[in-house]
Every structure is written in structure tokens, then in C-alpha cells.
């Protein structure tokens, strides 16, 4: 994980770290953080969400950090924080500055995503 942080530009490192702290503080302790495709993914029974900085190839992100929810299409997203783009399942928000981080919306999404994950067999 150290190598991941070392290669991020300063602005992406800051955004990723803030988002990571929000995610880790609101996911149950049974959830795990794991690097997949060279980016942090967060797992319960299945993938819950991911952080994909623009400097990591194959993410389709041109700037900032993508916060994606693997089963985003199933989430109510009452704050209208996410969009789906061309992907049918993963809904996301590309965050370019700290001002775009809405902790209330992210926490609500995490709570709902964890509830959905807990229903899976």
C-alpha cells in the first residue's frame, strides 16, 4: 500500500486520504481494504466501493479521485451525489477538490451499501 501512496500527486494523495478516512470510519470492522487494479477497494461479502485516483491508469478519470460504489445502481442516493456515466452498475462521483466531499452524502451511501452487502448470501 505504501507504493500506492508514493506515486500519487499531492492533490490526489490528499483527496484519497480524506475519502479513505471517511470510508474506514464508517464501514464495519468486518469490512476489508485491499488493493485491486492498483487502487483501494473496500469489501464486505463483495466489493462495496473503491477510490480511483486519476494518475492510476485504466480508471477513465482525467483529474481528481473517483469514489465509486460497486452496486451503486441499487442505492437510493437521496442526496443525488452519484452519477452512472456509461456503467450500468458502478455509480460514482469524481472529486476534484476538498469542497466537493460531502461527508453526509458519502456516509449515507456507505450505510446503504453495507446494508445491501449484508443481505447477500
C-alpha atoms as a PDB file:
ATOM      1  CA  UNK A   1       0.000   0.000   0.000  1.00  0.00           C
ATOM      2  CA  UNK A   2       2.956   2.311   0.616  1.00  0.00           C
ATOM      3  CA  UNK A   3       3.928   2.202  -3.064  1.00  0.00           C
ATOM      4  CA  UNK A   4       0.403   3.296  -3.967  1.00  0.00           C
ATOM      5  CA  UNK A   5       0.713   6.476  -1.875  1.00  0.00           C
ATOM      6  CA  UNK A   6       4.233   7.294  -3.077  1.00  0.00           C
ATOM      7  CA  UNK A   7       3.178   7.584  -6.720  1.00  0.00           C
ATOM      8  CA  UNK A   8       0.188   9.878  -6.233  1.00  0.00           C
ATOM      9  CA  UNK A   9       0.478  13.589  -6.950  1.00  0.00           C
ATOM     10  CA  UNK A  10      -0.048  15.720  -3.837  1.00  0.00           C
ATOM     11  CA  UNK A  11      -3.616  16.816  -4.674  1.00  0.00           C
ATOM     12  CA  UNK A  12      -4.741  13.227  -5.383  1.00  0.00           C
ATOM     13  CA  UNK A  13      -2.987  11.975  -2.250  1.00  0.00           C
ATOM     14  CA  UNK A  14      -4.853  14.486  -0.097  1.00  0.00           C
ATOM     15  CA  UNK A  15      -8.264  13.740  -1.657  1.00  0.00           C
ATOM     16  CA  UNK A  16      -7.691   9.985  -1.483  1.00  0.00           C
ATOM     17  CA  UNK A  17      -6.589  10.166   2.140  1.00  0.00           C
ATOM     18  CA  UNK A  18      -9.629  12.213   3.236  1.00  0.00           C
ATOM     19  CA  UNK A  19     -12.019   9.908   1.375  1.00  0.00           C
ATOM     20  CA  UNK A  20     -10.239   6.837   2.726  1.00  0.00           C
ATOM     21  CA  UNK A  21     -10.594   8.086   6.303  1.00  0.00           C
ATOM     22  CA  UNK A  22     -14.319   8.712   5.788  1.00  0.00           C
ATOM     23  CA  UNK A  23     -14.785   5.228   4.340  1.00  0.00           C
ATOM     24  CA  UNK A  24     -12.761   3.445   7.025  1.00  0.00           C
ATOM     25  CA  UNK A  25     -14.526   5.303   9.831  1.00  0.00           C
ATOM     26  CA  UNK A  26     -17.992   4.373   8.537  1.00  0.00           C
ATOM     27  CA  UNK A  27     -17.525   0.794   7.364  1.00  0.00           C
ATOM     28  CA  UNK A  28     -17.949  -2.034   9.876  1.00  0.00           C
ATOM     29  CA  UNK A  29     -14.735  -3.568  11.216  1.00  0.00           C
ATOM     30  CA  UNK A  30     -15.614  -6.757   9.312  1.00  0.00           C
ATOM     31  CA  UNK A  31     -15.003  -4.936   6.014  1.00  0.00           C
ATOM     32  CA  UNK A  32     -11.553  -5.056   4.451  1.00  0.00           C
ATOM     33  CA  UNK A  33      -9.427  -2.672   2.425  1.00  0.00           C
ATOM     34  CA  UNK A  34      -7.452  -4.261  -0.405  1.00  0.00           C
ATOM     35  CA  UNK A  35      -5.540  -3.002  -3.439  1.00  0.00           C
ATOM     36  CA  UNK A  36      -7.117  -4.278  -6.654  1.00  0.00           C
ATOM     37  CA  UNK A  37      -6.174  -2.919 -10.073  1.00  0.00           C
ATOM     38  CA  UNK A  38      -3.622  -0.810  -8.136  1.00  0.00           C
ATOM     39  CA  UNK A  39      -6.325   1.153  -6.273  1.00  0.00           C
ATOM     40  CA  UNK A  40      -8.012   0.735  -2.863  1.00  0.00           C
ATOM     41  CA  UNK A  41     -11.204  -1.324  -2.854  1.00  0.00           C
ATOM     42  CA  UNK A  42     -13.359  -1.887   0.200  1.00  0.00           C
ATOM     43  CA  UNK A  43     -15.011  -5.264   0.674  1.00  0.00           C
ATOM     44  CA  UNK A  44     -17.708  -6.792   2.808  1.00  0.00           C
ATOM     45  CA  UNK A  45     -19.082 -10.005   1.286  1.00  0.00           C
ATOM     46  CA  UNK A  46     -18.424  -8.391  -2.109  1.00  0.00           C
ATOM     47  CA  UNK A  47     -16.946  -5.130  -3.346  1.00  0.00           C
ATOM     48  CA  UNK A  48     -18.638  -2.164  -1.729  1.00  0.00           C
ATOM     49  CA  UNK A  49     -16.695   0.822  -3.040  1.00  0.00           C
ATOM     50  CA  UNK A  50     -13.387   1.990  -4.459  1.00  0.00           C
ATOM     51  CA  UNK A  51     -11.151   5.026  -4.757  1.00  0.00           C
ATOM     52  CA  UNK A  52      -9.528   5.557  -8.163  1.00  0.00           C
ATOM     53  CA  UNK A  53      -7.107   8.499  -8.469  1.00  0.00           C
ATOM     54  CA  UNK A  54      -6.695   9.932 -11.972  1.00  0.00           C
ATOM     55  CA  UNK A  55      -2.968   9.160 -12.070  1.00  0.00           C
ATOM     56  CA  UNK A  56      -3.674   5.402 -11.884  1.00  0.00           C
ATOM     57  CA  UNK A  57      -4.166   4.015 -15.423  1.00  0.00           C
ATOM     58  CA  UNK A  58      -7.347   2.353 -16.736  1.00  0.00           C
ATOM     59  CA  UNK A  59      -9.741   4.247 -14.470  1.00  0.00           C
ATOM     60  CA  UNK A  60     -11.032   6.626 -17.095  1.00  0.00           C
ATOM     61  CA  UNK A  61     -10.549   9.524 -14.682  1.00  0.00           C
ATOM     62  CA  UNK A  62      -8.834  12.588 -16.137  1.00  0.00           C
ATOM     63  CA  UNK A  63      -8.412  14.547 -12.903  1.00  0.00           C
ATOM     64  CA  UNK A  64      -9.223  14.158  -9.229  1.00  0.00           C
ATOM     65  CA  UNK A  65     -10.305  10.944  -7.499  1.00  0.00           C
ATOM     66  CA  UNK A  66     -13.244   8.726  -8.390  1.00  0.00           C
ATOM     67  CA  UNK A  67     -15.314   7.444  -5.475  1.00  0.00           C
ATOM     68  CA  UNK A  68     -17.258   4.525  -6.914  1.00  0.00           C
ATOM     69  CA  UNK A  69     -19.906   2.233  -5.455  1.00  0.00           C
ATOM     70  CA  UNK A  70     -19.848  -1.239  -6.992  1.00  0.00           C
ATOM     71  CA  UNK A  71     -23.596  -1.764  -6.613  1.00  0.00           C
ATOM     72  CA  UNK A  72     -24.406   1.930  -6.996  1.00  0.00           C
ATOM     73  CA  UNK A  73     -27.371   1.280  -9.246  1.00  0.00           C
ATOM     74  CA  UNK A  74     -29.138  -0.330  -6.279  1.00  0.00           C
ATOM     75  CA  UNK A  75     -28.602   2.649  -3.960  1.00  0.00           C
ATOM     76  CA  UNK A  76     -31.312   5.291  -3.419  1.00  0.00           C
ATOM     77  CA  UNK A  77     -28.718   8.109  -3.289  1.00  0.00           C
ATOM     78  CA  UNK A  78     -31.114  10.502  -1.571  1.00  0.00           C
ATOM     79  CA  UNK A  79     -28.536  13.319  -1.812  1.00  0.00           C
ATOM     80  CA  UNK A  80     -28.176  12.848  -5.606  1.00  0.00           C
ATOM     81  CA  UNK A  81     -24.405  12.679  -5.098  1.00  0.00           C
ATOM     82  CA  UNK A  82     -23.539   9.968  -7.633  1.00  0.00           C
ATOM     83  CA  UNK A  83     -23.819   9.572 -11.385  1.00  0.00           C
ATOM     84  CA  UNK A  84     -23.590   6.456 -13.511  1.00  0.00           C
ATOM     85  CA  UNK A  85     -21.967   7.510 -16.767  1.00  0.00           C
ATOM     86  CA  UNK A  86     -21.796   4.560 -19.162  1.00  0.00           C
ATOM     87  CA  UNK A  87     -21.530   1.888 -16.473  1.00  0.00           C
ATOM     88  CA  UNK A  88     -24.755   0.106 -15.564  1.00  0.00           C
ATOM     89  CA  UNK A  89     -23.714  -0.962 -12.050  1.00  0.00           C
ATOM     90  CA  UNK A  90     -20.982   1.297 -10.718  1.00  0.00           C
ATOM     91  CA  UNK A  91     -22.214   4.756  -9.778  1.00  0.00           C
ATOM     92  CA  UNK A  92     -19.566   7.301  -8.886  1.00  0.00           C
ATOM     93  CA  UNK A  93     -18.546  10.833  -8.042  1.00  0.00           C
ATOM     94  CA  UNK A  94     -15.337  12.348  -9.389  1.00  0.00           C
ATOM     95  CA  UNK A  95     -13.943  14.607  -6.707  1.00  0.00           C
ATOM     96  CA  UNK A  96     -11.540  17.337  -7.771  1.00  0.00           C
ATOM     97  CA  UNK A  97     -11.341  19.381  -4.567  1.00  0.00           C
ATOM     98  CA  UNK A  98     -11.991  19.033  -0.842  1.00  0.00           C
ATOM     99  CA  UNK A  99     -15.073  21.260  -1.256  1.00  0.00           C
ATOM    100  CA  UNK A 100     -16.732  18.511  -3.317  1.00  0.00           C
ATOM    101  CA  UNK A 101     -16.539  15.986  -0.479  1.00  0.00           C
ATOM    102  CA  UNK A 102     -19.984  15.752   1.111  1.00  0.00           C
ATOM    103  CA  UNK A 103     -19.376  13.553   4.144  1.00  0.00           C
ATOM    104  CA  UNK A 104     -23.101  13.357   4.946  1.00  0.00           C
ATOM    105  CA  UNK A 105     -23.927  12.027   1.468  1.00  0.00           C
ATOM    106  CA  UNK A 106     -20.966   9.623   1.474  1.00  0.00           C
ATOM    107  CA  UNK A 107     -21.886   8.253   4.912  1.00  0.00           C
ATOM    108  CA  UNK A 108     -25.497   7.692   3.822  1.00  0.00           C
ATOM    109  CA  UNK A 109     -24.285   5.867   0.704  1.00  0.00           C
ATOM    110  CA  UNK A 110     -21.864   3.729   2.713  1.00  0.00           C
ATOM    111  CA  UNK A 111     -24.583   2.809   5.200  1.00  0.00           C
ATOM    112  CA  UNK A 112     -26.954   1.787   2.431  1.00  0.00           C
ATOM    113  CA  UNK A 113     -24.238  -0.108   0.520  1.00  0.00           C
ATOM    114  CA  UNK A 114     -23.272  -2.040   3.664  1.00  0.00           C
ATOM    115  CA  UNK A 115     -26.924  -2.914   4.330  1.00  0.00           C
ATOM    116  CA  UNK A 116     -27.250  -4.229   0.806  1.00  0.00           C
ATOM    117  CA  UNK A 117     -23.971  -6.146   1.131  1.00  0.00           C
ATOM    118  CA  UNK A 118     -25.202  -7.770   4.363  1.00  0.00           C
ATOM    119  CA  UNK A 119     -28.279  -9.109   2.563  1.00  0.00           C
ATOM    120  CA  UNK A 120     -26.119 -11.064   0.096  1.00  0.00           C
ATOM    121  CA  UNK A 121     -25.535 -14.730   0.647  1.00  0.00           C
END
